[in-house]
N, C-alpha and C. Protein backbone atom coordinates (compact mmCIF):
# COMPACT_ATOMS: atom_id res chain seq x y z
N MET A 1 90.01 95.24 98.92
CA MET A 1 91.40 95.54 98.70
C MET A 1 92.26 94.46 99.30
N ALA A 2 93.14 93.94 98.52
CA ALA A 2 94.04 92.89 99.00
C ALA A 2 95.28 93.50 99.63
N LEU A 3 95.71 92.92 100.74
CA LEU A 3 96.93 93.35 101.41
C LEU A 3 98.11 92.64 100.77
N LEU A 4 99.07 93.42 100.25
CA LEU A 4 100.28 92.83 99.69
C LEU A 4 101.16 92.33 100.83
N THR A 5 101.75 91.17 100.68
CA THR A 5 102.65 90.64 101.69
C THR A 5 103.94 91.45 101.67
N GLN A 6 104.33 91.94 102.85
CA GLN A 6 105.54 92.74 102.94
C GLN A 6 106.75 91.82 102.97
N GLN A 7 107.74 92.13 102.14
CA GLN A 7 108.94 91.30 102.02
C GLN A 7 110.14 92.04 102.61
N PRO A 8 110.83 91.43 103.57
CA PRO A 8 111.99 92.09 104.18
C PRO A 8 113.24 92.00 103.31
N VAL A 9 113.89 93.14 103.13
CA VAL A 9 115.18 93.16 102.43
C VAL A 9 116.25 92.80 103.45
N ALA A 10 117.09 91.84 103.11
CA ALA A 10 118.13 91.36 104.03
C ALA A 10 119.51 91.71 103.50
N ARG A 11 120.47 91.73 104.39
CA ARG A 11 121.86 91.98 103.96
C ARG A 11 122.32 90.98 102.92
N SER A 12 121.83 89.77 103.04
CA SER A 12 122.23 88.72 102.10
C SER A 12 121.52 88.86 100.75
N GLY A 13 120.57 89.80 100.67
CA GLY A 13 119.87 90.07 99.41
C GLY A 13 118.45 89.55 99.42
N LEU A 14 117.65 90.11 98.53
CA LEU A 14 116.26 89.70 98.36
C LEU A 14 115.93 89.72 96.88
N THR A 15 115.34 88.66 96.41
CA THR A 15 114.76 88.64 95.08
C THR A 15 113.27 88.78 95.30
N PRO A 16 112.74 90.02 95.16
CA PRO A 16 111.33 90.24 95.50
C PRO A 16 110.39 89.48 94.58
N THR A 17 109.24 89.15 95.13
CA THR A 17 108.16 88.56 94.36
C THR A 17 107.19 89.68 94.03
N TYR A 18 106.86 89.82 92.75
CA TYR A 18 105.96 90.88 92.29
C TYR A 18 104.59 90.30 91.98
N SER A 19 103.57 91.11 92.24
CA SER A 19 102.19 90.73 91.95
C SER A 19 101.65 91.67 90.89
N ALA A 20 100.72 91.17 90.09
CA ALA A 20 100.05 92.05 89.14
C ALA A 20 99.26 93.10 89.94
N ALA A 21 99.34 94.34 89.52
CA ALA A 21 98.62 95.41 90.22
C ALA A 21 97.12 95.21 90.04
N ALA A 22 96.38 95.44 91.11
CA ALA A 22 94.92 95.45 91.07
C ALA A 22 94.49 96.91 91.12
N ALA A 23 93.24 97.19 90.87
CA ALA A 23 92.77 98.58 90.88
C ALA A 23 93.11 99.27 92.19
N SER A 24 93.02 98.52 93.30
CA SER A 24 93.41 99.07 94.59
C SER A 24 93.94 97.94 95.47
N THR A 25 94.94 98.27 96.27
CA THR A 25 95.54 97.31 97.19
C THR A 25 95.85 98.05 98.50
N THR A 26 96.28 97.30 99.47
CA THR A 26 96.78 97.90 100.70
C THR A 26 98.16 97.33 100.98
N VAL A 27 98.95 98.12 101.71
CA VAL A 27 100.27 97.68 102.13
C VAL A 27 100.43 98.03 103.61
N THR A 28 101.33 97.32 104.27
CA THR A 28 101.63 97.61 105.67
C THR A 28 102.50 98.86 105.74
N THR A 29 102.11 99.79 106.62
CA THR A 29 102.88 101.03 106.77
C THR A 29 103.99 100.85 107.79
N GLY A 30 104.93 101.77 107.76
CA GLY A 30 106.02 101.78 108.72
C GLY A 30 107.14 102.68 108.23
N ASP A 31 108.04 103.04 109.13
CA ASP A 31 109.14 103.93 108.78
C ASP A 31 110.09 103.33 107.76
N ARG A 32 110.00 102.02 107.56
CA ARG A 32 110.89 101.33 106.62
C ARG A 32 110.11 100.60 105.53
N SER A 33 108.86 101.01 105.31
CA SER A 33 107.99 100.35 104.32
C SER A 33 108.03 101.10 102.99
N PHE A 34 108.19 100.34 101.92
CA PHE A 34 108.25 100.91 100.57
C PHE A 34 107.38 100.09 99.63
N LEU A 35 107.00 100.72 98.53
CA LEU A 35 106.28 100.05 97.45
C LEU A 35 107.15 100.15 96.21
N HIS A 36 107.40 99.03 95.55
CA HIS A 36 108.17 99.03 94.31
C HIS A 36 107.20 98.74 93.17
N VAL A 37 107.13 99.67 92.21
CA VAL A 37 106.19 99.57 91.10
C VAL A 37 106.97 99.50 89.79
N LYS A 38 106.63 98.51 88.96
CA LYS A 38 107.23 98.37 87.63
C LYS A 38 106.13 98.49 86.59
N ASN A 39 106.38 99.31 85.56
CA ASN A 39 105.39 99.54 84.51
C ASN A 39 106.01 99.25 83.15
N THR A 40 105.53 98.19 82.48
CA THR A 40 106.02 97.88 81.13
C THR A 40 104.99 98.24 80.07
N ASN A 41 103.93 98.91 80.48
CA ASN A 41 102.89 99.37 79.56
C ASN A 41 103.47 100.48 78.67
N GLY A 42 102.85 100.72 77.53
CA GLY A 42 103.28 101.76 76.60
C GLY A 42 102.93 103.17 77.06
N SER A 43 102.20 103.29 78.16
CA SER A 43 101.80 104.60 78.69
C SER A 43 102.23 104.73 80.14
N SER A 44 102.53 105.95 80.55
CA SER A 44 102.84 106.17 81.96
C SER A 44 101.57 105.97 82.78
N MET A 45 101.73 105.81 84.07
CA MET A 45 100.59 105.63 84.96
C MET A 45 100.91 106.28 86.29
N THR A 46 99.90 106.46 87.11
CA THR A 46 100.13 107.06 88.42
C THR A 46 99.73 106.10 89.54
N VAL A 47 100.46 106.22 90.63
CA VAL A 47 100.19 105.47 91.85
C VAL A 47 99.79 106.51 92.89
N THR A 48 98.68 106.27 93.57
CA THR A 48 98.23 107.20 94.61
C THR A 48 98.18 106.47 95.95
N VAL A 49 98.89 107.02 96.93
CA VAL A 49 98.86 106.51 98.30
C VAL A 49 97.98 107.49 99.08
N THR A 50 96.89 107.00 99.62
CA THR A 50 95.94 107.85 100.32
C THR A 50 96.51 108.30 101.66
N ALA A 51 96.60 109.62 101.82
CA ALA A 51 97.07 110.18 103.09
C ALA A 51 95.92 110.24 104.07
N THR A 52 96.20 109.94 105.33
CA THR A 52 95.16 109.97 106.36
C THR A 52 95.47 110.98 107.46
N ALA A 53 96.65 111.57 107.41
CA ALA A 53 97.09 112.49 108.47
C ALA A 53 96.45 113.87 108.30
N GLN A 54 96.45 114.60 109.40
CA GLN A 54 96.02 116.00 109.39
C GLN A 54 97.04 116.82 110.15
N VAL A 55 97.26 118.04 109.69
CA VAL A 55 98.12 118.99 110.38
C VAL A 55 97.27 120.20 110.69
N ASP A 56 97.15 120.53 111.97
CA ASP A 56 96.31 121.65 112.40
C ASP A 56 94.90 121.54 111.84
N GLY A 57 94.37 120.31 111.81
CA GLY A 57 93.01 120.09 111.35
C GLY A 57 92.84 120.06 109.84
N GLN A 58 93.94 120.25 109.09
CA GLN A 58 93.87 120.24 107.63
C GLN A 58 94.44 118.93 107.10
N PRO A 59 93.73 118.30 106.15
CA PRO A 59 94.22 117.02 105.63
C PRO A 59 95.52 117.19 104.84
N VAL A 60 96.39 116.22 104.99
CA VAL A 60 97.63 116.15 104.21
C VAL A 60 97.27 115.63 102.82
N SER A 61 97.93 116.13 101.79
CA SER A 61 97.66 115.67 100.42
C SER A 61 98.10 114.23 100.22
N ASP A 62 97.36 113.53 99.36
CA ASP A 62 97.75 112.18 98.96
C ASP A 62 99.11 112.23 98.27
N LEU A 63 99.84 111.13 98.33
CA LEU A 63 101.10 111.00 97.62
C LEU A 63 100.79 110.44 96.24
N VAL A 64 101.11 111.19 95.18
CA VAL A 64 100.85 110.77 93.81
C VAL A 64 102.18 110.69 93.07
N VAL A 65 102.50 109.51 92.54
CA VAL A 65 103.77 109.27 91.87
C VAL A 65 103.50 108.78 90.45
N THR A 66 104.15 109.41 89.47
CA THR A 66 104.03 108.97 88.08
C THR A 66 105.12 107.96 87.78
N VAL A 67 104.71 106.83 87.21
CA VAL A 67 105.66 105.79 86.81
C VAL A 67 105.74 105.83 85.29
N PRO A 68 106.92 106.08 84.73
CA PRO A 68 107.06 106.22 83.28
C PRO A 68 106.65 104.96 82.51
N ALA A 69 106.41 105.15 81.23
CA ALA A 69 106.02 104.05 80.33
C ALA A 69 107.21 103.13 80.03
N THR A 70 106.89 101.96 79.53
CA THR A 70 107.78 100.95 78.97
C THR A 70 108.73 100.30 79.97
N ALA A 71 109.64 101.05 80.55
CA ALA A 71 110.58 100.47 81.51
C ALA A 71 110.51 101.24 82.82
N GLY A 72 109.33 101.75 83.15
CA GLY A 72 109.16 102.54 84.36
C GLY A 72 109.37 101.70 85.61
N ASP A 73 110.04 102.29 86.57
CA ASP A 73 110.43 101.57 87.77
C ASP A 73 110.56 102.60 88.89
N LYS A 74 109.69 102.53 89.91
CA LYS A 74 109.74 103.50 91.00
C LYS A 74 109.68 102.80 92.35
N MET A 75 110.54 103.26 93.26
CA MET A 75 110.47 102.89 94.67
C MET A 75 109.75 104.03 95.35
N ILE A 76 108.68 103.74 96.07
CA ILE A 76 107.85 104.77 96.69
C ILE A 76 107.88 104.56 98.21
N GLY A 77 108.24 105.59 98.94
CA GLY A 77 108.25 105.49 100.39
C GLY A 77 109.33 106.34 101.01
N PRO A 78 109.50 106.24 102.30
CA PRO A 78 108.83 105.31 103.19
C PRO A 78 107.35 105.66 103.38
N LEU A 79 106.54 104.64 103.54
CA LEU A 79 105.10 104.79 103.73
C LEU A 79 104.81 104.75 105.22
N THR A 80 105.07 105.87 105.87
CA THR A 80 104.98 105.94 107.33
C THR A 80 103.54 105.85 107.83
N SER A 81 103.40 105.25 108.99
CA SER A 81 102.08 105.13 109.62
C SER A 81 101.50 106.50 109.92
N LYS A 82 102.36 107.42 110.33
CA LYS A 82 101.91 108.76 110.72
C LYS A 82 101.17 109.46 109.58
N LEU A 83 101.58 109.21 108.34
CA LEU A 83 100.95 109.87 107.19
C LEU A 83 99.89 109.03 106.50
N PHE A 84 100.05 107.70 106.48
CA PHE A 84 99.24 106.88 105.59
C PHE A 84 98.41 105.77 106.23
N ALA A 85 98.56 105.51 107.52
CA ALA A 85 97.84 104.39 108.14
C ALA A 85 96.34 104.62 108.14
N SER A 86 95.61 103.61 107.79
CA SER A 86 94.15 103.63 107.76
C SER A 86 93.58 103.85 109.15
N ALA A 87 92.53 104.64 109.24
CA ALA A 87 91.84 104.84 110.52
C ALA A 87 91.18 103.54 110.98
N ALA A 88 90.82 102.67 110.02
CA ALA A 88 90.13 101.43 110.35
C ALA A 88 91.01 100.45 111.13
N ASP A 89 92.30 100.32 110.72
CA ASP A 89 93.15 99.35 111.40
C ASP A 89 94.46 99.94 111.95
N GLY A 90 94.78 101.18 111.58
CA GLY A 90 95.97 101.84 112.08
C GLY A 90 97.28 101.30 111.55
N VAL A 91 97.20 100.42 110.54
CA VAL A 91 98.40 99.76 110.04
C VAL A 91 98.54 99.83 108.52
N SER A 92 97.46 99.66 107.80
CA SER A 92 97.56 99.54 106.35
C SER A 92 97.32 100.87 105.63
N ALA A 93 97.96 101.00 104.47
CA ALA A 93 97.78 102.17 103.61
C ALA A 93 97.04 101.74 102.35
N SER A 94 96.18 102.60 101.86
CA SER A 94 95.40 102.33 100.65
C SER A 94 96.14 102.86 99.43
N ILE A 95 96.30 101.99 98.42
CA ILE A 95 97.02 102.33 97.20
C ILE A 95 96.08 102.13 96.01
N THR A 96 96.04 103.10 95.09
CA THR A 96 95.29 102.93 93.85
C THR A 96 96.22 103.19 92.66
N TYR A 97 95.86 102.60 91.53
CA TYR A 97 96.68 102.69 90.33
C TYR A 97 95.81 103.19 89.19
N SER A 98 96.32 104.14 88.40
CA SER A 98 95.54 104.67 87.29
C SER A 98 95.40 103.65 86.17
N SER A 99 96.32 102.71 86.11
CA SER A 99 96.28 101.63 85.14
C SER A 99 96.91 100.41 85.79
N THR A 100 96.40 99.23 85.44
CA THR A 100 96.97 98.00 85.99
C THR A 100 97.54 97.09 84.90
N THR A 101 97.36 97.47 83.65
CA THR A 101 97.85 96.67 82.53
C THR A 101 99.37 96.71 82.50
N ASN A 102 100.00 95.55 82.59
CA ASN A 102 101.46 95.43 82.57
C ASN A 102 102.13 96.18 83.72
N VAL A 103 101.48 96.21 84.87
CA VAL A 103 102.04 96.84 86.06
C VAL A 103 102.16 95.79 87.15
N THR A 104 103.36 95.70 87.76
CA THR A 104 103.57 94.78 88.87
C THR A 104 104.08 95.55 90.08
N VAL A 105 103.79 95.01 91.27
CA VAL A 105 104.13 95.70 92.50
C VAL A 105 104.68 94.73 93.54
N ALA A 106 105.49 95.29 94.44
CA ALA A 106 105.99 94.53 95.59
C ALA A 106 106.03 95.45 96.79
N SER A 107 105.63 94.93 97.93
CA SER A 107 105.71 95.65 99.20
C SER A 107 106.99 95.20 99.90
N LEU A 108 107.85 96.18 100.24
CA LEU A 108 109.16 95.86 100.81
C LEU A 108 109.37 96.60 102.13
N THR A 109 110.18 96.02 102.99
CA THR A 109 110.60 96.69 104.21
C THR A 109 112.10 96.50 104.36
N ILE A 110 112.76 97.56 104.81
CA ILE A 110 114.22 97.48 104.99
C ILE A 110 114.56 97.56 106.46
């Protein structure tokens, strides 16, 4: 899984750089971390952020977001460490995509 470079949004503005979605990626978690997903495919697709937290010993459900077809555009987050940080490194969240054709993503922090 490749770690997407997190891009800071500044008061002066940000023109984000988007990467083609891979079957799975990781992003840096944090209270101000977001994932921006654009889908120009003819079909909707889903983005799944793997939850790692537990409440009273019960796992928290994964975050599943549907991105509409053709001009789909979703900001997902915040991707907090408390809910999504990997047990392996305590920082990154695992992201999977139901489709990667004509899907681009950017990891952002505000």
